[in-house]
Amino acid sequence: MTRHPLTRRRLLALAALTPLAACGTAPAATGRLRVAFAAGGSKETLDPAQVSLFVDQARAKALFDTLVAYNADTSLRPRLAESWESDASGTRWRIRLRQAAFHDGRPVTADDVLYTFRRIADPALASSSRQYFAKVDFARSKALSPKEIELTLTAPDFEFPSGWGAPGAEIVPAGTTDFTAPVGSGPFRFVSFTPGGPAVFRKNESHWDGAPSIDELEFVPVSEETARVNALLSGQVDYAHDLAAGTAARLAGDTRVSLLEAKGTTMQGLILRLTQAPFSDPRLVRAVLSGVDREALNRVALAGRGEIGNDLFGKGLRGYAADIPQRRRDVDLARSLVREAGAEGLAFAVETSDVDPGFATAATVISQQLKEIGLAATPNTRGSSTYFSEIKTKGVAALTRTATLPVPTFLNQRFRTRGSNNVNGFGSPEFDALMDRAAATADERARLALFGDAQRIVHESGGLLAWGFSTWTIAVSKRVSGVVTAPPNTFDWARFDRARLS
């Protein structure tokens, strides 16, 4: 039977049913936590190396484990990796695994880690996580014992462990190629899944970090933000993910729900494709960066609940170049650059989607502001389920967002020549050389200073308008406890294994 995400119309139909008919057995009786996320459509997969949306990442977190996880400040905490160390050169890393088992009882071993990383690094898989393992020399890397791995790199990298905790780096059993009913080592076991529809997982009683408090976890696809909120308020779900700033303001006094707000943790940006006209002209890139009013965007698109950005990722995180002067709106400069480029009245689309609840408003505001400097920008809305894959090749200006990641990880993905997520086509031998020098520098303070120099390059010519940092908002039913406020991508985000139902 084909399953479909909840819409407003289907939600009203559900509301007309009795609670038993609409939801099955009541969650309090079964211990099933129902969580509502925006859906990814029929192309969804449970392959953790192919994650693209937050619902993919949350499902992967439930089914699998990573070697390490990110704390809120992107420092690392051990997970499957009990300990790790490098040699003095930063080219040889030894990892000691803890005692953990997959859902079928097989122990997690060094061979599983080697298989997982080799698979992610394979260009044929086209995983956005492959950049993390591009330096691994798999021919020289080996299992020293079932619980110890030695990874040899082709170049020094003292930031290498950061990639082990990134979305898409979850460990899978050696030889796994079919993810229709995956076996992981995470806190929940697979029960059922329909791409674009619901997923049901059951608690893993023997998880190495303790069994979940709830019996079952159900991911309910609800693509429209209004429908997610209505589903929560009507008791159809217990958790509504990714709410707009305006919605959070309206729910702030509602006694039926609790708000979890990770303030200023998600970069909101506009990607300019530097390899295509018109933004192959640096003057027009600078015109856009100078022509946008970041304060107004925060007031309107983020309801004043975010923070303004400075065209850099990772505000407040380790390695962020906070000493770079804040870029301010300069309409006169922007207009002169547009005239100099002979681009007055130039028409182009700002790609947007409802994949983020604030994108539509941001696209409208940005388009209006760019008209004031002589550019005829108009929003173009794309489907949410394929938005992030489409903007890799389509359009010249596209809204984007990125949640918490280590700053060097983001820089390597987004700006390194042929980086795994270098959507805007930026390429700079000077930038690449700085990133290589930084990775090869053992002293952390000196290493972060070099990463700061790399950020100065992309601030000037990287083609990223990082206009703000939004507050990540989740609403949960009052009967849910144990779920805490945390930036997305970090250890405590989507920790459904610690949720409890009253």
Protein backbone atom coordinates (compact mmCIF):
# COMPACT_ATOMS: atom_id res chain seq x y z
CA MET A 1 0.00 0.00 0.00
CA THR A 2 1.35 3.44 -0.91
CA ARG A 3 1.80 5.78 2.06
CA HIS A 4 1.72 9.55 1.74
CA PRO A 5 2.95 12.44 3.91
CA LEU A 6 0.40 14.32 6.01
CA THR A 7 -1.05 17.46 4.43
CA ARG A 8 -3.56 19.93 5.84
CA ARG A 9 -6.39 18.09 4.05
CA ARG A 10 -5.33 14.66 5.33
CA LEU A 11 -4.83 16.09 8.82
CA LEU A 12 -8.43 17.37 8.87
CA ALA A 13 -9.60 13.95 7.75
CA LEU A 14 -7.64 12.30 10.54
CA ALA A 15 -9.09 14.71 13.07
CA ALA A 16 -12.58 13.51 12.14
CA LEU A 17 -11.69 9.96 13.18
CA THR A 18 -11.79 8.63 16.70
CA PRO A 19 -8.37 8.68 18.41
CA LEU A 20 -8.16 4.88 18.22
CA ALA A 21 -8.94 4.76 14.51
CA ALA A 22 -6.68 7.67 13.65
CA CYS A 23 -3.61 6.62 15.56
CA GLY A 24 -3.97 2.96 16.39
CA THR A 25 -3.26 2.09 20.00
CA ALA A 26 -2.56 5.21 22.06
CA PRO A 27 1.16 6.06 22.35
CA ALA A 28 1.07 6.00 26.17
CA ALA A 29 -0.01 2.34 26.05
CA THR A 30 2.48 1.20 23.42
CA GLY A 31 5.39 3.45 24.31
CA ARG A 32 5.63 4.61 20.69
CA LEU A 33 7.07 8.09 20.15
CA ARG A 34 5.79 9.73 16.95
CA VAL A 35 8.06 12.38 15.46
CA ALA A 36 7.10 14.61 12.52
CA PHE A 37 9.75 15.66 10.00
CA ALA A 38 9.58 17.17 6.53
CA ALA A 39 9.56 14.28 4.07
CA GLY A 40 12.12 13.51 1.39
CA GLY A 41 9.86 11.85 -1.19
CA SER A 42 10.01 8.52 -2.96
CA LYS A 43 13.80 8.64 -3.40
CA GLU A 44 14.45 8.44 0.34
CA THR A 45 16.88 5.78 1.50
CA LEU A 46 18.12 4.34 4.78
CA ASP A 47 21.67 4.25 3.43
CA PRO A 48 23.46 6.55 5.90
CA ALA A 49 26.09 7.54 3.32
CA GLN A 50 23.35 9.08 1.17
CA VAL A 51 21.74 11.40 3.73
CA SER A 52 20.68 14.84 2.53
CA LEU A 53 17.74 15.93 4.71
CA PHE A 54 17.39 16.14 8.47
CA VAL A 55 14.88 13.31 8.48
CA ASP A 56 17.54 11.12 6.81
CA GLN A 57 20.07 12.09 9.47
CA ALA A 58 17.65 11.45 12.34
CA ARG A 59 16.75 7.99 11.02
CA ALA A 60 20.44 7.18 10.53
CA LYS A 61 21.17 8.30 14.09
CA ALA A 62 18.50 5.94 15.40
CA LEU A 63 19.72 2.90 13.44
CA PHE A 64 23.49 3.39 13.36
CA ASP A 65 26.43 4.73 15.36
CA THR A 66 29.41 6.89 14.41
CA LEU A 67 32.93 6.62 15.80
CA VAL A 68 32.62 10.03 17.45
CA ALA A 69 29.92 12.67 17.92
CA TYR A 70 29.93 16.47 18.07
CA ASN A 71 29.32 18.36 21.26
CA ALA A 72 27.47 21.66 20.86
CA ASP A 73 30.80 23.48 20.29
CA THR A 74 31.90 20.79 17.74
CA SER A 75 34.48 19.29 20.09
CA LEU A 76 34.46 15.50 19.85
CA ARG A 77 33.11 12.87 22.21
CA PRO A 78 33.79 9.13 21.85
CA ARG A 79 31.07 6.83 20.54
CA LEU A 80 32.09 3.58 18.84
CA ALA A 81 35.67 4.80 19.05
CA GLU A 82 36.87 4.36 22.61
CA SER A 83 40.10 6.24 21.94
CA TRP A 84 42.28 7.47 19.06
CA GLU A 85 45.71 8.97 18.48
CA SER A 86 47.98 10.02 15.64
CA ASP A 87 51.69 9.78 15.09
CA ALA A 88 53.82 12.94 15.11
CA SER A 89 53.32 13.46 11.38
CA GLY A 90 49.51 13.36 11.42
CA THR A 91 49.51 10.72 8.67
CA ARG A 92 48.89 7.61 10.76
CA TRP A 93 45.90 7.24 13.07
CA ARG A 94 45.11 4.40 15.45
CA ILE A 95 41.54 3.90 16.64
CA ARG A 96 40.48 1.60 19.45
CA LEU A 97 36.85 0.42 19.28
CA ARG A 98 34.61 -0.19 22.27
CA GLN A 99 32.65 -3.39 22.77
CA ALA A 100 29.51 -2.96 20.67
CA ALA A 101 27.35 -5.19 18.51
CA PHE A 102 25.16 -4.89 15.44
CA HIS A 103 21.47 -5.71 15.70
CA ASP A 104 22.06 -9.25 14.43
CA GLY A 105 24.56 -9.93 17.22
CA ARG A 106 27.76 -9.56 15.21
CA PRO A 107 30.41 -7.47 16.99
CA VAL A 108 31.43 -4.13 15.50
CA THR A 109 35.00 -4.66 14.29
CA ALA A 110 37.85 -2.89 12.57
CA ASP A 111 36.84 -4.53 9.28
CA ASP A 112 33.43 -2.83 9.48
CA VAL A 113 35.06 0.57 9.93
CA LEU A 114 37.45 0.02 7.04
CA TYR A 115 34.62 -1.16 4.79
CA THR A 116 32.43 1.82 5.73
CA PHE A 117 35.10 4.43 5.10
CA ARG A 118 36.23 2.79 1.85
CA ARG A 119 32.63 2.71 0.65
CA ILE A 120 32.04 6.39 1.48
CA ALA A 121 35.26 7.40 -0.29
CA ASP A 122 34.30 5.55 -3.49
CA PRO A 123 33.48 8.20 -6.14
CA ALA A 124 30.91 5.82 -7.64
CA LEU A 125 28.74 6.21 -4.53
CA ALA A 126 28.82 10.02 -4.89
CA SER A 127 28.41 10.46 -1.15
CA SER A 128 28.58 14.05 0.08
CA SER A 129 30.68 12.65 2.95
CA ARG A 130 33.50 11.37 0.74
CA GLN A 131 35.61 14.50 1.35
CA TYR A 132 36.22 13.36 4.94
CA PHE A 133 38.04 10.23 3.77
CA ALA A 134 39.69 11.47 0.57
CA LYS A 135 43.16 11.31 2.15
CA VAL A 136 42.90 7.72 3.39
CA ASP A 137 45.31 5.33 1.68
CA PHE A 138 43.20 2.20 1.97
CA ALA A 139 45.91 -0.01 0.48
CA ARG A 140 48.11 0.80 3.49
CA SER A 141 45.37 1.01 6.12
CA LYS A 142 44.59 -2.14 8.09
CA ALA A 143 42.95 -3.84 11.02
CA LEU A 144 45.55 -4.45 13.74
CA SER A 145 43.05 -6.56 15.67
CA PRO A 146 39.27 -6.94 15.70
CA LYS A 147 39.08 -3.82 17.88
CA GLU A 148 41.96 -1.72 16.57
CA ILE A 149 42.41 0.04 13.23
CA GLU A 150 45.35 1.84 11.70
CA LEU A 151 44.41 4.40 9.06
CA THR A 152 47.23 5.75 6.90
CA LEU A 153 46.75 9.06 5.11
CA THR A 154 48.35 10.35 1.93
CA ALA A 155 48.94 13.74 3.59
CA PRO A 156 49.00 15.01 7.19
CA ASP A 157 45.63 15.86 8.72
CA PHE A 158 45.31 16.72 12.39
CA GLU A 159 41.61 17.50 11.84
CA PHE A 160 40.90 14.03 10.46
CA PRO A 161 38.81 12.77 13.43
CA SER A 162 36.22 15.52 12.88
CA GLY A 163 35.00 13.72 9.77
CA TRP A 164 34.22 10.57 11.75
CA GLY A 165 31.26 12.27 13.44
CA ALA A 166 29.75 13.98 10.41
CA PRO A 167 26.35 13.05 8.94
CA GLY A 168 26.93 10.16 6.56
CA ALA A 169 29.85 8.62 8.48
CA GLU A 170 27.78 6.01 10.32
CA ILE A 171 29.38 2.56 10.55
CA VAL A 172 27.68 -0.29 8.65
CA PRO A 173 28.50 -4.02 8.67
CA ALA A 174 31.23 -5.02 6.21
CA GLY A 175 29.80 -6.07 2.86
CA THR A 176 26.48 -4.23 3.23
CA THR A 177 25.05 -3.06 -0.09
CA ASP A 178 21.29 -3.40 0.51
CA PHE A 179 19.68 -0.89 2.89
CA THR A 180 16.02 -1.82 2.45
CA ALA A 181 16.04 -3.46 5.91
CA PRO A 182 19.33 -2.26 7.37
CA VAL A 183 21.27 -3.74 10.25
CA GLY A 184 23.09 -1.16 12.35
CA SER A 185 24.48 -0.84 15.85
CA GLY A 186 22.28 2.07 16.93
CA PRO A 187 19.74 2.34 19.75
CA PHE A 188 16.83 1.26 17.52
CA ARG A 189 16.27 -1.74 15.24
CA PHE A 190 14.58 -1.59 11.85
CA VAL A 191 10.91 -2.65 11.64
CA SER A 192 9.51 -1.01 8.50
CA PHE A 193 10.07 1.88 6.12
CA THR A 194 8.34 3.33 3.06
CA PRO A 195 10.33 5.94 1.07
CA GLY A 196 8.43 9.19 1.41
CA GLY A 197 6.23 7.54 4.05
CA PRO A 198 6.56 6.43 7.65
CA ALA A 199 9.39 4.52 9.28
CA VAL A 200 8.99 2.40 12.41
CA PHE A 201 11.91 1.26 14.57
CA ARG A 202 11.95 -0.81 17.77
CA LYS A 203 14.29 -0.29 20.70
CA ASN A 204 17.57 -2.18 20.79
CA GLU A 205 17.54 -3.81 24.21
CA SER A 206 21.26 -4.58 24.04
CA HIS A 207 22.61 -1.24 22.82
CA TRP A 208 26.06 -0.59 24.25
CA ASP A 209 24.99 2.84 25.58
CA GLY A 210 21.82 1.53 27.23
CA ALA A 211 18.40 0.59 25.88
CA PRO A 212 16.00 3.39 24.90
CA SER A 213 13.24 4.31 27.33
CA ILE A 214 10.54 4.10 24.65
CA ASP A 215 9.49 0.85 22.99
CA GLU A 216 9.08 2.15 19.45
CA LEU A 217 9.94 5.17 17.36
CA GLU A 218 7.85 6.24 14.37
CA PHE A 219 8.93 8.88 11.86
CA VAL A 220 5.82 10.53 10.42
CA PRO A 221 6.32 12.46 7.14
CA VAL A 222 4.68 15.90 7.36
CA SER A 223 6.19 18.21 4.78
CA GLU A 224 4.13 21.32 5.48
CA GLU A 225 5.18 23.17 8.60
CA THR A 226 1.61 24.20 9.45
CA ALA A 227 0.53 20.57 9.22
CA ARG A 228 3.38 19.51 11.54
CA VAL A 229 2.23 22.01 14.15
CA ASN A 230 -1.43 21.00 13.79
CA ALA A 231 -0.49 17.33 14.09
CA LEU A 232 1.34 18.10 17.33
CA LEU A 233 -1.44 20.22 18.81
CA SER A 234 -4.08 17.61 17.93
CA GLY A 235 -2.08 14.75 19.46
CA GLN A 236 -1.32 12.99 16.16
CA VAL A 237 2.42 13.29 16.84
CA ASP A 238 4.55 14.01 19.90
CA TYR A 239 7.38 15.98 18.28
CA ALA A 240 7.38 18.57 15.46
CA HIS A 241 10.76 19.28 13.90
CA ASP A 242 12.08 22.46 12.26
CA LEU A 243 9.63 25.28 12.92
CA ALA A 244 9.78 28.83 11.60
CA ALA A 245 10.66 31.73 13.87
CA GLY A 246 7.17 33.19 13.55
CA THR A 247 5.61 29.87 14.49
CA ALA A 248 7.85 29.64 17.55
CA ALA A 249 6.73 33.10 18.65
CA ARG A 250 3.07 32.06 18.35
CA LEU A 251 3.61 28.83 20.29
CA ALA A 252 5.65 30.43 23.07
CA GLY A 253 2.67 30.75 25.41
CA ASP A 254 0.86 27.55 24.44
CA THR A 255 0.61 25.29 27.50
CA ARG A 256 0.19 22.17 25.35
CA VAL A 257 3.76 22.18 24.07
CA SER A 258 7.35 22.86 25.07
CA LEU A 259 9.74 24.66 22.74
CA LEU A 260 13.36 23.56 22.31
CA GLU A 261 15.27 26.47 20.77
CA ALA A 262 18.95 26.20 19.82
CA LYS A 263 19.67 29.87 19.21
CA GLY A 264 21.74 31.04 16.25
CA THR A 265 22.92 27.57 15.28
CA THR A 266 21.95 27.25 11.59
CA MET A 267 23.56 29.28 8.83
CA GLN A 268 21.11 30.82 6.38
CA GLY A 269 22.72 31.71 3.09
CA LEU A 270 22.54 32.38 -0.63
CA ILE A 271 24.88 30.47 -2.94
CA LEU A 272 26.08 32.29 -6.07
CA ARG A 273 27.32 29.99 -8.83
CA LEU A 274 30.71 31.40 -9.77
CA THR A 275 31.17 29.22 -12.84
CA GLN A 276 28.15 30.64 -14.70
CA ALA A 277 27.03 34.07 -15.86
CA PRO A 278 26.17 36.43 -14.34
CA PHE A 279 28.15 35.54 -11.21
CA SER A 280 31.25 34.54 -13.10
CA ASP A 281 31.74 38.33 -12.98
CA PRO A 282 33.24 39.13 -9.53
CA ARG A 283 31.71 42.61 -9.64
CA LEU A 284 28.21 41.17 -9.52
CA VAL A 285 29.12 38.82 -6.68
CA ARG A 286 30.36 41.80 -4.71
CA ALA A 287 27.26 43.78 -5.67
CA VAL A 288 24.97 41.12 -4.19
CA LEU A 289 27.04 40.84 -1.01
CA SER A 290 26.96 44.63 -0.64
CA GLY A 291 23.33 45.04 -1.66
CA VAL A 292 21.65 42.81 0.92
CA ASP A 293 20.43 44.15 4.26
CA ARG A 294 21.21 41.41 6.78
CA GLU A 295 19.50 43.19 9.68
CA ALA A 296 16.25 43.46 7.71
CA LEU A 297 16.43 39.79 6.75
CA ASN A 298 16.79 38.84 10.39
CA ARG A 299 13.83 41.01 11.37
CA VAL A 300 11.53 39.71 8.63
CA ALA A 301 12.61 36.17 7.68
CA LEU A 302 13.71 35.16 11.19
CA ALA A 303 11.17 37.27 13.12
CA GLY A 304 14.10 38.93 14.90
CA ARG A 305 14.98 35.65 16.63
CA GLY A 306 18.23 34.98 14.76
CA GLU A 307 21.64 36.61 14.44
CA ILE A 308 23.10 38.45 11.47
CA GLY A 309 25.84 36.73 9.51
CA ASN A 310 29.08 37.93 7.98
CA ASP A 311 29.26 35.68 4.90
CA LEU A 312 31.07 33.02 6.92
CA PHE A 313 29.92 29.72 8.36
CA GLY A 314 30.07 28.69 12.02
CA LYS A 315 29.49 31.83 14.05
CA GLY A 316 30.55 31.13 17.63
CA LEU A 317 32.15 27.77 16.82
CA ARG A 318 35.76 26.70 17.21
CA GLY A 319 37.83 28.17 14.38
CA TYR A 320 35.33 30.84 13.28
CA ALA A 321 37.15 33.97 12.06
CA ALA A 322 35.39 36.45 14.34
CA ASP A 323 38.02 39.14 13.68
CA ILE A 324 36.92 39.71 10.07
CA PRO A 325 35.00 43.03 9.97
CA GLN A 326 31.24 42.76 9.60
CA ARG A 327 30.05 43.35 6.05
CA ARG A 328 27.34 46.03 5.95
CA ARG A 329 24.87 47.04 3.29
CA ASP A 330 26.22 49.67 0.88
CA VAL A 331 23.58 50.43 -1.74
CA ASP A 332 25.69 53.06 -3.54
CA LEU A 333 28.62 50.67 -3.93
CA ALA A 334 26.33 47.86 -5.09
CA ARG A 335 24.62 50.07 -7.70
CA SER A 336 27.96 51.29 -9.05
CA LEU A 337 29.21 47.71 -9.41
CA VAL A 338 26.04 46.71 -11.28
CA ARG A 339 26.45 49.69 -13.64
CA GLU A 340 30.16 48.96 -14.12
CA ALA A 341 29.31 45.38 -15.10
CA GLY A 342 26.66 46.62 -17.56
CA ALA A 343 24.07 44.54 -15.72
CA GLU A 344 21.30 47.04 -14.91
CA GLY A 345 17.96 45.25 -15.12
CA LEU A 346 19.63 41.83 -15.30
CA ALA A 347 17.04 39.14 -14.55
CA PHE A 348 17.79 35.92 -12.67
CA ALA A 349 15.99 33.56 -10.30
CA VAL A 350 16.60 33.08 -6.60
CA GLU A 351 15.99 29.36 -6.07
CA THR A 352 13.95 28.60 -2.97
CA SER A 353 11.81 25.87 -1.41
CA ASP A 354 9.67 25.10 1.61
CA VAL A 355 12.39 22.68 2.75
CA ASP A 356 13.19 25.42 5.28
CA PRO A 357 10.22 27.26 6.81
CA GLY A 358 11.96 30.62 6.37
CA PHE A 359 13.23 30.25 2.80
CA ALA A 360 10.18 31.68 1.02
CA THR A 361 10.22 34.89 3.05
CA ALA A 362 13.99 35.23 2.70
CA ALA A 363 13.79 34.80 -1.09
CA THR A 364 11.16 37.53 -1.33
CA VAL A 365 13.12 39.96 0.86
CA ILE A 366 16.42 39.33 -0.96
CA SER A 367 14.74 39.78 -4.35
CA GLN A 368 13.22 43.09 -3.24
CA GLN A 369 16.54 44.33 -1.89
CA LEU A 370 18.42 43.41 -5.07
CA LYS A 371 15.87 45.31 -7.16
CA GLU A 372 16.98 48.41 -5.23
CA ILE A 373 20.50 48.01 -6.65
CA GLY A 374 19.34 47.41 -10.23
CA LEU A 375 19.05 43.60 -10.43
CA ALA A 376 15.73 41.96 -11.39
CA ALA A 377 15.78 38.95 -9.07
CA THR A 378 12.64 36.83 -8.63
CA PRO A 379 12.02 33.78 -6.41
CA ASN A 380 11.68 30.38 -8.08
CA THR A 381 10.20 27.68 -5.84
CA ARG A 382 11.41 24.08 -6.19
CA GLY A 383 10.10 20.93 -4.54
CA SER A 384 11.36 20.23 -1.05
CA SER A 385 12.16 16.55 -1.54
CA THR A 386 14.75 17.18 -4.28
CA TYR A 387 15.73 20.78 -3.60
CA PHE A 388 19.27 20.28 -2.30
CA SER A 389 20.15 17.81 -5.06
CA GLU A 390 18.68 20.08 -7.75
CA ILE A 391 20.56 23.22 -6.75
CA LYS A 392 23.87 21.40 -7.18
CA THR A 393 23.43 21.77 -10.94
CA LYS A 394 20.48 24.11 -11.55
CA GLY A 395 20.14 27.86 -11.20
CA VAL A 396 22.69 30.59 -10.51
CA ALA A 397 21.55 31.75 -7.05
CA ALA A 398 20.03 29.43 -4.45
CA LEU A 399 19.07 29.67 -0.82
CA THR A 400 20.82 27.20 1.44
CA ARG A 401 21.25 26.35 5.09
CA THR A 402 23.81 24.40 7.07
CA ALA A 403 23.53 23.23 10.64
CA THR A 404 26.36 22.74 13.11
CA LEU A 405 29.58 21.26 11.72
CA PRO A 406 33.26 21.85 12.52
CA VAL A 407 34.34 24.95 10.61
CA PRO A 408 37.24 23.16 8.82
CA THR A 409 34.85 20.40 7.73
CA PHE A 410 32.51 22.96 6.16
CA LEU A 411 35.38 24.78 4.45
CA ASN A 412 36.69 21.58 2.90
CA GLN A 413 33.26 20.52 1.69
CA ARG A 414 32.10 23.85 0.31
CA PHE A 415 35.18 25.67 -0.95
CA ARG A 416 37.99 23.25 -1.71
CA THR A 417 38.49 22.73 -5.43
CA ARG A 418 36.28 19.76 -6.36
CA GLY A 419 34.99 19.60 -2.79
CA SER A 420 32.15 17.16 -2.25
CA ASN A 421 29.60 19.96 -1.75
CA ASN A 422 31.24 22.81 -3.66
CA VAL A 423 27.96 23.90 -5.23
CA ASN A 424 29.07 27.41 -6.17
CA GLY A 425 32.14 26.21 -8.08
CA PHE A 426 34.70 28.16 -6.08
CA GLY A 427 38.31 27.28 -6.82
CA SER A 428 41.45 28.84 -5.40
CA PRO A 429 44.93 27.26 -5.29
CA GLU A 430 45.79 29.69 -2.48
CA PHE A 431 42.80 28.55 -0.43
CA ASP A 432 43.56 24.86 -1.04
CA ALA A 433 47.19 25.37 -0.02
CA LEU A 434 46.16 27.14 3.19
CA MET A 435 43.77 24.33 4.07
CA ASP A 436 46.53 21.77 3.47
CA ARG A 437 49.00 23.74 5.61
CA ALA A 438 46.44 24.04 8.39
CA ALA A 439 45.64 20.33 8.36
CA ALA A 440 49.37 19.52 8.56
CA THR A 441 49.94 21.83 11.56
CA ALA A 442 50.03 19.96 14.86
CA ASP A 443 49.72 23.03 17.09
CA GLU A 444 46.01 23.82 17.35
CA ARG A 445 46.35 27.58 17.80
CA ALA A 446 48.55 27.88 14.72
CA ARG A 447 46.24 25.55 12.82
CA LEU A 448 43.16 27.63 13.60
CA ALA A 449 45.00 30.81 12.57
CA LEU A 450 45.60 29.28 9.15
CA PHE A 451 41.95 28.31 8.89
CA GLY A 452 41.19 31.96 9.67
CA ASP A 453 43.35 33.05 6.74
CA ALA A 454 41.44 30.63 4.51
CA GLN A 455 38.17 32.19 5.66
CA ARG A 456 39.42 35.65 4.63
CA ILE A 457 39.74 34.36 1.08
CA VAL A 458 36.23 32.94 0.90
CA HIS A 459 34.80 36.02 2.64
CA GLU A 460 36.05 38.11 -0.28
CA SER A 461 35.50 35.80 -3.22
CA GLY A 462 33.77 32.57 -2.15
CA GLY A 463 30.33 33.44 -3.52
CA LEU A 464 28.48 32.72 -0.27
CA LEU A 465 26.11 35.28 1.22
CA ALA A 466 25.76 33.95 4.78
CA TRP A 467 23.23 36.54 5.85
CA GLY A 468 22.11 35.08 9.17
CA PHE A 469 22.01 32.31 11.74
CA SER A 470 18.56 31.05 12.62
CA THR A 471 17.34 29.56 15.86
CA TRP A 472 16.62 25.86 15.42
CA THR A 473 13.18 25.25 16.90
CA ILE A 474 11.45 22.00 17.82
CA ALA A 475 8.12 21.67 19.61
CA VAL A 476 7.25 18.65 21.75
CA SER A 477 4.16 17.52 23.57
CA LYS A 478 4.08 18.15 27.31
CA ARG A 479 3.93 14.38 27.83
CA VAL A 480 7.43 14.00 26.33
CA SER A 481 10.53 14.38 28.47
CA GLY A 482 14.20 13.56 27.99
CA VAL A 483 14.51 15.38 24.65
CA VAL A 484 16.78 18.40 25.11
CA THR A 485 17.68 21.57 23.24
CA ALA A 486 20.66 20.98 20.95
CA PRO A 487 22.00 22.26 17.62
CA PRO A 488 21.23 19.94 14.70
CA ASN A 489 24.06 17.54 13.76
CA THR A 490 25.27 17.42 17.37
CA PHE A 491 25.18 14.54 19.84
CA ASP A 492 22.06 15.59 21.75
CA TRP A 493 19.98 16.52 18.69
CA ALA A 494 17.33 13.88 17.84
CA ARG A 495 18.37 11.69 20.80
CA PHE A 496 15.10 9.78 20.74
CA ASP A 497 16.69 6.94 22.68
CA ARG A 498 16.57 9.22 25.74
CA ALA A 499 12.94 10.31 25.24
CA ARG A 500 10.30 9.28 27.76
CA LEU A 501 6.50 9.32 27.51
CA SER A 502 4.25 10.03 30.48
